[in-house]
Full PDB file with SEQRES, HELIX, SHEET, SSBOND, CRYST1, ORIGX, SCALE, CONECT and MASTER records, all heavy atoms in Angstrom:
SEQRES   1 A   32  GLY PHE ALA VAL SER GLY ARG ILE ASN TYR ALA ASP SER          
SEQRES   2 A   32  VAL LYS GLY ARG PHE THR ILE SER ARG GLY SER ALA GLN          
SEQRES   3 A   32  ASN THR VAL ASN LEU GLN                                      
HELIX    1 AA1 ASP A   12  VAL A   14  5                                   3    
SHEET    1 AA1 2 ILE A  20  ARG A  22  0                                        
SHEET    2 AA1 2 VAL A  29  LEU A  31 -1                                        
CRYST1    1.000    1.000    1.000  90.00  90.00  90.00 P 1           1          
ORIGX1      1.000000  0.000000  0.000000        0.00000                         
ORIGX2      0.000000  1.000000  0.000000        0.00000                         
ORIGX3      0.000000  0.000000  1.000000        0.00000                         
SCALE1      1.000000  0.000000  0.000000        0.00000                         
SCALE2      0.000000  1.000000  0.000000        0.00000                         
SCALE3      0.000000  0.000000  1.000000        0.00000                         
ATOM      1  N   GLY A   1     -15.619  -0.437  -2.339  1.00  0.00           N  
ATOM      2  CA  GLY A   1     -14.208  -0.157  -2.449  1.00  0.00           C  
ATOM      3  C   GLY A   1     -13.404  -1.339  -2.948  1.00  0.00           C  
ATOM      4  O   GLY A   1     -13.850  -2.489  -2.883  1.00  0.00           O  
ATOM      5  N   PHE A   2     -12.222  -1.023  -3.447  1.00  0.00           N  
ATOM      6  CA  PHE A   2     -11.273  -2.034  -3.899  1.00  0.00           C  
ATOM      7  C   PHE A   2     -10.299  -2.337  -2.780  1.00  0.00           C  
ATOM      8  O   PHE A   2      -9.646  -1.434  -2.255  1.00  0.00           O  
ATOM      9  CB  PHE A   2     -10.499  -1.543  -5.124  1.00  0.00           C  
ATOM     10  CG  PHE A   2     -11.317  -1.412  -6.370  1.00  0.00           C  
ATOM     11  CD1 PHE A   2     -11.887  -0.197  -6.717  1.00  0.00           C  
ATOM     12  CD2 PHE A   2     -11.509  -2.500  -7.204  1.00  0.00           C  
ATOM     13  CE1 PHE A   2     -12.633  -0.071  -7.872  1.00  0.00           C  
ATOM     14  CE2 PHE A   2     -12.250  -2.387  -8.360  1.00  0.00           C  
ATOM     15  CZ  PHE A   2     -12.820  -1.169  -8.695  1.00  0.00           C  
ATOM     16  N   ALA A   3     -10.191  -3.599  -2.421  1.00  0.00           N  
ATOM     17  CA  ALA A   3      -9.167  -4.032  -1.500  1.00  0.00           C  
ATOM     18  C   ALA A   3      -7.828  -4.104  -2.224  1.00  0.00           C  
ATOM     19  O   ALA A   3      -7.758  -4.004  -3.448  1.00  0.00           O  
ATOM     20  CB  ALA A   3      -9.527  -5.395  -0.910  1.00  0.00           C  
ATOM     21  N   VAL A   4      -6.761  -4.263  -1.459  1.00  0.00           N  
ATOM     22  CA  VAL A   4      -5.433  -4.371  -2.053  1.00  0.00           C  
ATOM     23  C   VAL A   4      -5.382  -5.527  -3.049  1.00  0.00           C  
ATOM     24  O   VAL A   4      -4.730  -5.437  -4.093  1.00  0.00           O  
ATOM     25  CB  VAL A   4      -4.359  -4.538  -0.969  1.00  0.00           C  
ATOM     26  CG1 VAL A   4      -2.989  -4.793  -1.600  1.00  0.00           C  
ATOM     27  CG2 VAL A   4      -4.301  -3.297  -0.082  1.00  0.00           C  
ATOM     28  N   SER A   5      -6.092  -6.606  -2.732  1.00  0.00           N  
ATOM     29  CA  SER A   5      -6.133  -7.775  -3.596  1.00  0.00           C  
ATOM     30  C   SER A   5      -6.887  -7.532  -4.900  1.00  0.00           C  
ATOM     31  O   SER A   5      -6.797  -8.342  -5.820  1.00  0.00           O  
ATOM     32  CB  SER A   5      -6.779  -8.944  -2.860  1.00  0.00           C  
ATOM     33  OG  SER A   5      -8.145  -8.676  -2.592  1.00  0.00           O  
ATOM     34  N   GLY A   6      -7.630  -6.444  -4.970  1.00  0.00           N  
ATOM     35  CA  GLY A   6      -8.484  -6.179  -6.107  1.00  0.00           C  
ATOM     36  C   GLY A   6      -9.925  -6.580  -5.887  1.00  0.00           C  
ATOM     37  O   GLY A   6     -10.795  -6.247  -6.699  1.00  0.00           O  
ATOM     38  N   ARG A   7     -10.182  -7.287  -4.828  1.00  0.00           N  
ATOM     39  CA  ARG A   7     -11.552  -7.656  -4.485  1.00  0.00           C  
ATOM     40  C   ARG A   7     -12.386  -6.410  -4.245  1.00  0.00           C  
ATOM     41  O   ARG A   7     -11.923  -5.439  -3.655  1.00  0.00           O  
ATOM     42  CB  ARG A   7     -11.557  -8.541  -3.244  1.00  0.00           C  
ATOM     43  CG  ARG A   7     -12.939  -8.896  -2.715  1.00  0.00           C  
ATOM     44  CD  ARG A   7     -12.845  -9.711  -1.451  1.00  0.00           C  
ATOM     45  NE  ARG A   7     -14.146  -9.990  -0.881  1.00  0.00           N  
ATOM     46  CZ  ARG A   7     -14.354 -10.643   0.256  1.00  0.00           C  
ATOM     47  NH1 ARG A   7     -13.315 -11.099   0.944  1.00  0.00           N  
ATOM     48  NH2 ARG A   7     -15.580 -10.849   0.701  1.00  0.00           N  
ATOM     49  N   ILE A   8     -13.619  -6.460  -4.690  1.00  0.00           N  
ATOM     50  CA  ILE A   8     -14.536  -5.353  -4.507  1.00  0.00           C  
ATOM     51  C   ILE A   8     -15.487  -5.670  -3.363  1.00  0.00           C  
ATOM     52  O   ILE A   8     -16.100  -6.737  -3.327  1.00  0.00           O  
ATOM     53  CB  ILE A   8     -15.339  -5.069  -5.784  1.00  0.00           C  
ATOM     54  CG1 ILE A   8     -14.400  -4.708  -6.939  1.00  0.00           C  
ATOM     55  CG2 ILE A   8     -16.334  -3.940  -5.542  1.00  0.00           C  
ATOM     56  CD1 ILE A   8     -15.101  -4.539  -8.268  1.00  0.00           C  
ATOM     57  N   ASN A   9     -15.593  -4.749  -2.445  1.00  0.00           N  
ATOM     58  CA  ASN A   9     -16.502  -4.894  -1.317  1.00  0.00           C  
ATOM     59  C   ASN A   9     -17.644  -3.894  -1.442  1.00  0.00           C  
ATOM     60  O   ASN A   9     -17.423  -2.706  -1.702  1.00  0.00           O  
ATOM     61  CB  ASN A   9     -15.760  -4.667   0.002  1.00  0.00           C  
ATOM     62  CG  ASN A   9     -14.671  -5.691   0.240  1.00  0.00           C  
ATOM     63  OD1 ASN A   9     -14.902  -6.892   0.103  1.00  0.00           O  
ATOM     64  ND2 ASN A   9     -13.476  -5.233   0.598  1.00  0.00           N  
ATOM     65  N   TYR A  10     -18.862  -4.371  -1.245  1.00  0.00           N  
ATOM     66  CA  TYR A  10     -20.049  -3.527  -1.252  1.00  0.00           C  
ATOM     67  C   TYR A  10     -20.787  -3.662   0.065  1.00  0.00           C  
ATOM     68  O   TYR A  10     -20.857  -4.751   0.650  1.00  0.00           O  
ATOM     69  CB  TYR A  10     -21.015  -3.921  -2.364  1.00  0.00           C  
ATOM     70  CG  TYR A  10     -20.555  -3.607  -3.773  1.00  0.00           C  
ATOM     71  CD1 TYR A  10     -20.005  -4.594  -4.579  1.00  0.00           C  
ATOM     72  CD2 TYR A  10     -20.694  -2.334  -4.298  1.00  0.00           C  
ATOM     73  CE1 TYR A  10     -19.595  -4.321  -5.865  1.00  0.00           C  
ATOM     74  CE2 TYR A  10     -20.287  -2.048  -5.592  1.00  0.00           C  
ATOM     75  CZ  TYR A  10     -19.735  -3.051  -6.375  1.00  0.00           C  
ATOM     76  OH  TYR A  10     -19.336  -2.769  -7.663  1.00  0.00           O  
ATOM     77  N   ALA A  11     -21.349  -2.562   0.517  1.00  0.00           N  
ATOM     78  CA  ALA A  11     -22.269  -2.643   1.629  1.00  0.00           C  
ATOM     79  C   ALA A  11     -23.505  -3.423   1.200  1.00  0.00           C  
ATOM     80  O   ALA A  11     -23.950  -3.315   0.051  1.00  0.00           O  
ATOM     81  CB  ALA A  11     -22.668  -1.251   2.101  1.00  0.00           C  
ATOM     82  N   ASP A  12     -24.058  -4.204   2.115  1.00  0.00           N  
ATOM     83  CA  ASP A  12     -25.236  -4.997   1.775  1.00  0.00           C  
ATOM     84  C   ASP A  12     -26.380  -4.130   1.262  1.00  0.00           C  
ATOM     85  O   ASP A  12     -27.156  -4.549   0.395  1.00  0.00           O  
ATOM     86  CB  ASP A  12     -25.702  -5.802   2.991  1.00  0.00           C  
ATOM     87  CG  ASP A  12     -24.776  -6.945   3.327  1.00  0.00           C  
ATOM     88  OD1 ASP A  12     -23.979  -7.356   2.469  1.00  0.00           O  
ATOM     89  OD2 ASP A  12     -24.859  -7.446   4.474  1.00  0.00           O  
ATOM     90  N   SER A  13     -26.481  -2.929   1.780  1.00  0.00           N  
ATOM     91  CA  SER A  13     -27.585  -2.058   1.426  1.00  0.00           C  
ATOM     92  C   SER A  13     -27.530  -1.552  -0.010  1.00  0.00           C  
ATOM     93  O   SER A  13     -28.535  -1.054  -0.525  1.00  0.00           O  
ATOM     94  CB  SER A  13     -27.642  -0.866   2.387  1.00  0.00           C  
ATOM     95  OG  SER A  13     -26.447  -0.112   2.325  1.00  0.00           O  
ATOM     96  N   VAL A  14     -26.374  -1.666  -0.668  1.00  0.00           N  
ATOM     97  CA  VAL A  14     -26.244  -1.142  -2.025  1.00  0.00           C  
ATOM     98  C   VAL A  14     -25.960  -2.222  -3.060  1.00  0.00           C  
ATOM     99  O   VAL A  14     -25.901  -1.911  -4.257  1.00  0.00           O  
ATOM    100  CB  VAL A  14     -25.153  -0.053  -2.111  1.00  0.00           C  
ATOM    101  CG1 VAL A  14     -25.382   1.022  -1.063  1.00  0.00           C  
ATOM    102  CG2 VAL A  14     -23.762  -0.659  -1.970  1.00  0.00           C  
ATOM    103  N   LYS A  15     -25.804  -3.448  -2.632  1.00  0.00           N  
ATOM    104  CA  LYS A  15     -25.520  -4.536  -3.571  1.00  0.00           C  
ATOM    105  C   LYS A  15     -26.635  -4.651  -4.607  1.00  0.00           C  
ATOM    106  O   LYS A  15     -27.810  -4.617  -4.278  1.00  0.00           O  
ATOM    107  CB  LYS A  15     -25.356  -5.863  -2.830  1.00  0.00           C  
ATOM    108  CG  LYS A  15     -24.063  -5.991  -2.058  1.00  0.00           C  
ATOM    109  CD  LYS A  15     -23.957  -7.349  -1.373  1.00  0.00           C  
ATOM    110  CE  LYS A  15     -22.642  -7.489  -0.632  1.00  0.00           C  
ATOM    111  NZ  LYS A  15     -22.542  -8.777   0.083  1.00  0.00           N  
ATOM    112  N   GLY A  16     -26.215  -4.775  -5.846  1.00  0.00           N  
ATOM    113  CA  GLY A  16     -27.171  -4.871  -6.935  1.00  0.00           C  
ATOM    114  C   GLY A  16     -27.624  -3.539  -7.469  1.00  0.00           C  
ATOM    115  O   GLY A  16     -28.270  -3.491  -8.527  1.00  0.00           O  
ATOM    116  N   ARG A  17     -27.319  -2.456  -6.773  1.00  0.00           N  
ATOM    117  CA  ARG A  17     -27.731  -1.128  -7.204  1.00  0.00           C  
ATOM    118  C   ARG A  17     -26.547  -0.228  -7.552  1.00  0.00           C  
ATOM    119  O   ARG A  17     -26.648   0.597  -8.463  1.00  0.00           O  
ATOM    120  CB  ARG A  17     -28.569  -0.443  -6.123  1.00  0.00           C  
ATOM    121  CG  ARG A  17     -29.851  -1.190  -5.773  1.00  0.00           C  
ATOM    122  CD  ARG A  17     -30.740  -0.361  -4.846  1.00  0.00           C  
ATOM    123  NE  ARG A  17     -30.093  -0.083  -3.561  1.00  0.00           N  
ATOM    124  CZ  ARG A  17     -29.822   1.135  -3.103  1.00  0.00           C  
ATOM    125  NH1 ARG A  17     -30.148   2.204  -3.822  1.00  0.00           N  
ATOM    126  NH2 ARG A  17     -29.253   1.293  -1.917  1.00  0.00           N  
ATOM    127  N   PHE A  18     -25.449  -0.360  -6.818  1.00  0.00           N  
ATOM    128  CA  PHE A  18     -24.271   0.477  -7.030  1.00  0.00           C  
ATOM    129  C   PHE A  18     -23.158  -0.341  -7.662  1.00  0.00           C  
ATOM    130  O   PHE A  18     -23.011  -1.534  -7.380  1.00  0.00           O  
ATOM    131  CB  PHE A  18     -23.752   1.043  -5.708  1.00  0.00           C  
ATOM    132  CG  PHE A  18     -24.645   2.061  -5.049  1.00  0.00           C  
ATOM    133  CD1 PHE A  18     -25.931   2.301  -5.499  1.00  0.00           C  
ATOM    134  CD2 PHE A  18     -24.174   2.775  -3.956  1.00  0.00           C  
ATOM    135  CE1 PHE A  18     -26.747   3.236  -4.882  1.00  0.00           C  
ATOM    136  CE2 PHE A  18     -24.971   3.713  -3.329  1.00  0.00           C  
ATOM    137  CZ  PHE A  18     -26.260   3.945  -3.786  1.00  0.00           C  
ATOM    138  N   THR A  19     -22.349   0.315  -8.481  1.00  0.00           N  
ATOM    139  CA  THR A  19     -21.206  -0.326  -9.106  1.00  0.00           C  
ATOM    140  C   THR A  19     -19.995   0.590  -9.021  1.00  0.00           C  
ATOM    141  O   THR A  19     -20.054   1.738  -9.469  1.00  0.00           O  
ATOM    142  CB  THR A  19     -21.475  -0.667 -10.578  1.00  0.00           C  
ATOM    143  OG1 THR A  19     -22.628  -1.506 -10.688  1.00  0.00           O  
ATOM    144  CG2 THR A  19     -20.276  -1.397 -11.182  1.00  0.00           C  
ATOM    145  N   ILE A  20     -18.916   0.082  -8.446  1.00  0.00           N  
ATOM    146  CA  ILE A  20     -17.674   0.841  -8.381  1.00  0.00           C  
ATOM    147  C   ILE A  20     -16.766   0.381  -9.514  1.00  0.00           C  
ATOM    148  O   ILE A  20     -16.745  -0.792  -9.871  1.00  0.00           O  
ATOM    149  CB  ILE A  20     -16.978   0.665  -7.016  1.00  0.00           C  
ATOM    150  CG1 ILE A  20     -15.796   1.629  -6.876  1.00  0.00           C  
ATOM    151  CG2 ILE A  20     -16.537  -0.776  -6.793  1.00  0.00           C  
ATOM    152  CD1 ILE A  20     -15.184   1.654  -5.475  1.00  0.00           C  
ATOM    153  N   SER A  21     -16.017   1.302 -10.081  1.00  0.00           N  
ATOM    154  CA  SER A  21     -15.128   0.964 -11.177  1.00  0.00           C  
ATOM    155  C   SER A  21     -13.939   1.908 -11.204  1.00  0.00           C  
ATOM    156  O   SER A  21     -14.016   3.050 -10.730  1.00  0.00           O  
ATOM    157  CB  SER A  21     -15.861   1.005 -12.519  1.00  0.00           C  
ATOM    158  OG  SER A  21     -16.336   2.310 -12.795  1.00  0.00           O  
ATOM    159  N   ARG A  22     -12.850   1.417 -11.749  1.00  0.00           N  
ATOM    160  CA  ARG A  22     -11.685   2.259 -11.982  1.00  0.00           C  
ATOM    161  C   ARG A  22     -11.899   3.086 -13.231  1.00  0.00           C  
ATOM    162  O   ARG A  22     -12.408   2.590 -14.236  1.00  0.00           O  
ATOM    163  CB  ARG A  22     -10.439   1.395 -12.144  1.00  0.00           C  
ATOM    164  CG  ARG A  22     -10.072   0.572 -10.924  1.00  0.00           C  
ATOM    165  CD  ARG A  22      -9.264   1.380  -9.946  1.00  0.00           C  
ATOM    166  NE  ARG A  22      -8.723   0.534  -8.879  1.00  0.00           N  
ATOM    167  CZ  ARG A  22      -7.921   0.962  -7.902  1.00  0.00           C  
ATOM    168  NH1 ARG A  22      -7.552   2.230  -7.864  1.00  0.00           N  
ATOM    169  NH2 ARG A  22      -7.496   0.125  -6.986  1.00  0.00           N  
ATOM    170  N   GLY A  23     -11.515   4.332 -13.177  1.00  0.00           N  
ATOM    171  CA  GLY A  23     -11.584   5.166 -14.357  1.00  0.00           C  
ATOM    172  C   GLY A  23     -10.439   4.865 -15.297  1.00  0.00           C  
ATOM    173  O   GLY A  23      -9.428   4.273 -14.921  1.00  0.00           O  
ATOM    174  N   SER A  24     -10.613   5.278 -16.547  1.00  0.00           N  
ATOM    175  CA  SER A  24      -9.554   5.055 -17.528  1.00  0.00           C  
ATOM    176  C   SER A  24      -8.339   5.922 -17.243  1.00  0.00           C  
ATOM    177  O   SER A  24      -7.208   5.536 -17.552  1.00  0.00           O  
ATOM    178  CB  SER A  24     -10.076   5.331 -18.941  1.00  0.00           C  
ATOM    179  OG  SER A  24     -10.566   6.653 -19.063  1.00  0.00           O  
ATOM    180  N   ALA A  25      -8.557   7.078 -16.664  1.00  0.00           N  
ATOM    181  CA  ALA A  25      -7.454   7.951 -16.280  1.00  0.00           C  
ATOM    182  C   ALA A  25      -6.783   7.423 -15.026  1.00  0.00           C  
ATOM    183  O   ALA A  25      -7.383   6.693 -14.233  1.00  0.00           O  
ATOM    184  CB  ALA A  25      -7.942   9.375 -16.065  1.00  0.00           C  
ATOM    185  N   GLN A  26      -5.562   7.794 -14.836  1.00  0.00           N  
ATOM    186  CA  GLN A  26      -4.795   7.335 -13.695  1.00  0.00           C  
ATOM    187  C   GLN A  26      -5.393   7.852 -12.391  1.00  0.00           C  
ATOM    188  O   GLN A  26      -5.788   9.016 -12.286  1.00  0.00           O  
ATOM    189  CB  GLN A  26      -3.345   7.798 -13.827  1.00  0.00           C  
ATOM    190  CG  GLN A  26      -2.398   7.199 -12.808  1.00  0.00           C  
ATOM    191  CD  GLN A  26      -0.963   7.645 -13.034  1.00  0.00           C  
ATOM    192  OE1 GLN A  26      -0.715   8.789 -13.417  1.00  0.00           O  
ATOM    193  NE2 GLN A  26      -0.028   6.744 -12.813  1.00  0.00           N  
ATOM    194  N   ASN A  27      -5.473   6.963 -11.417  1.00  0.00           N  
ATOM    195  CA  ASN A  27      -5.902   7.313 -10.066  1.00  0.00           C  
ATOM    196  C   ASN A  27      -7.294   7.937 -10.035  1.00  0.00           C  
ATOM    197  O   ASN A  27      -7.520   8.990  -9.419  1.00  0.00           O  
ATOM    198  CB  ASN A  27      -4.891   8.257  -9.410  1.00  0.00           C  
ATOM    199  CG  ASN A  27      -3.510   7.650  -9.320  1.00  0.00           C  
ATOM    200  OD1 ASN A  27      -3.363   6.452  -9.028  1.00  0.00           O  
ATOM    201  ND2 ASN A  27      -2.487   8.458  -9.557  1.00  0.00           N  
ATOM    202  N   THR A  28      -8.220   7.278 -10.704  1.00  0.00           N  
ATOM    203  CA  THR A  28      -9.613   7.700 -10.677  1.00  0.00           C  
ATOM    204  C   THR A  28     -10.495   6.519 -10.302  1.00  0.00           C  
ATOM    205  O   THR A  28     -10.155   5.364 -10.541  1.00  0.00           O  
ATOM    206  CB  THR A  28     -10.077   8.269 -12.026  1.00  0.00           C  
ATOM    207  OG1 THR A  28     -10.026   7.234 -13.028  1.00  0.00           O  
ATOM    208  CG2 THR A  28      -9.192   9.428 -12.456  1.00  0.00           C  
ATOM    209  N   VAL A  29     -11.640   6.822  -9.724  1.00  0.00           N  
ATOM    210  CA  VAL A  29     -12.605   5.795  -9.364  1.00  0.00           C  
ATOM    211  C   VAL A  29     -14.002   6.394  -9.490  1.00  0.00           C  
ATOM    212  O   VAL A  29     -14.217   7.571  -9.170  1.00  0.00           O  
ATOM    213  CB  VAL A  29     -12.343   5.249  -7.946  1.00  0.00           C  
ATOM    214  CG1 VAL A  29     -12.528   6.336  -6.886  1.00  0.00           C  
ATOM    215  CG2 VAL A  29     -13.226   4.042  -7.650  1.00  0.00           C  
ATOM    216  N   ASN A  30     -14.936   5.577  -9.961  1.00  0.00           N  
ATOM    217  CA  ASN A  30     -16.304   6.030 -10.165  1.00  0.00           C  
ATOM    218  C   ASN A  30     -17.265   5.186  -9.347  1.00  0.00           C  
ATOM    219  O   ASN A  30     -16.963   4.056  -8.961  1.00  0.00           O  
ATOM    220  CB  ASN A  30     -16.687   5.942 -11.644  1.00  0.00           C  
ATOM    221  CG  ASN A  30     -15.788   6.765 -12.533  1.00  0.00           C  
ATOM    222  OD1 ASN A  30     -15.426   7.891 -12.199  1.00  0.00           O  
ATOM    223  ND2 ASN A  30     -15.421   6.213 -13.682  1.00  0.00           N  
ATOM    224  N   LEU A  31     -18.431   5.739  -9.105  1.00  0.00           N  
ATOM    225  CA  LEU A  31     -19.497   5.008  -8.433  1.00  0.00           C  
ATOM    226  C   LEU A  31     -20.794   5.274  -9.172  1.00  0.00           C  
ATOM    227  O   LEU A  31     -21.314   6.394  -9.134  1.00  0.00           O  
ATOM    228  CB  LEU A  31     -19.620   5.432  -6.968  1.00  0.00           C  
ATOM    229  CG  LEU A  31     -20.653   4.656  -6.145  1.00  0.00           C  
ATOM    230  CD1 LEU A  31     -20.200   3.206  -5.953  1.00  0.00           C  
ATOM    231  CD2 LEU A  31     -20.884   5.330  -4.793  1.00  0.00           C  
ATOM    232  N   GLN A  32     -21.287   4.248  -9.858  1.00  0.00           N  
ATOM    233  CA  GLN A  32     -22.567   4.332 -10.534  1.00  0.00           C  
ATOM    234  C   GLN A  32     -23.656   3.914  -9.555  1.00  0.00           C  
ATOM    235  O   GLN A  32     -23.621   2.796  -9.032  1.00  0.00           O  
ATOM    236  CB  GLN A  32     -22.588   3.436 -11.770  1.00  0.00           C  
ATOM    237  CG  GLN A  32     -23.924   3.396 -12.498  1.00  0.00           C  
ATOM    238  CD  GLN A  32     -24.283   4.721 -13.129  1.00  0.00           C  
ATOM    239  OE1 GLN A  32     -23.456   5.335 -13.801  1.00  0.00           O  
ATOM    240  NE2 GLN A  32     -25.505   5.166 -12.917  1.00  0.00           N  
TER     241      GLN A  32                                                      
MASTER        0    0    0    1    2    0    0    6  240    1    0    3          
END                                                                             
């Protein structure tokens, strides 16, 4: 998830495997 500061937090179990990103459309978020 994105913190208010913009920092991205990942669970240890998914680090290196999952990537969160903002979508190009307004108010969207993706998880690869």
